[in-house]
Amino acid sequence: MLWFLLIGVISGWLAGMISRGGGFGIWGDLATGVVGSFIGGYLFNLMGIAAYGVIGSIIASTIGAIVLLWVIRMFHVAEPVYKKKEED
């Protein structure tokens, strides 16, 4: 169980660094990595690829987390970073 959580944190952090340029904090990385591990395991199984060991698990869950972040960004409308102030 502890390995599963550690792999989740690592893969969530890696996915954040790859797709966004930064992590999401410990809890965000953990949630992203754990959900990503299920998605990555499903996708690897669907393609007939087996991931063995810790490195294989990190790779599969990182790919799953990147897919998760990609899907979330497809449906999330981002607000502009800079908003003009209304002048009275």
Foldseek 3Di string as FASTA:
>chain_A
DVLLQVLQLLLLQVLCCVPPNGHDPRVSSSVLLNQLLVQLVVVCVVVVHDQDDSVSSSVSSNVSSNVVVVVVVVPDDDDDPDDDDDDD
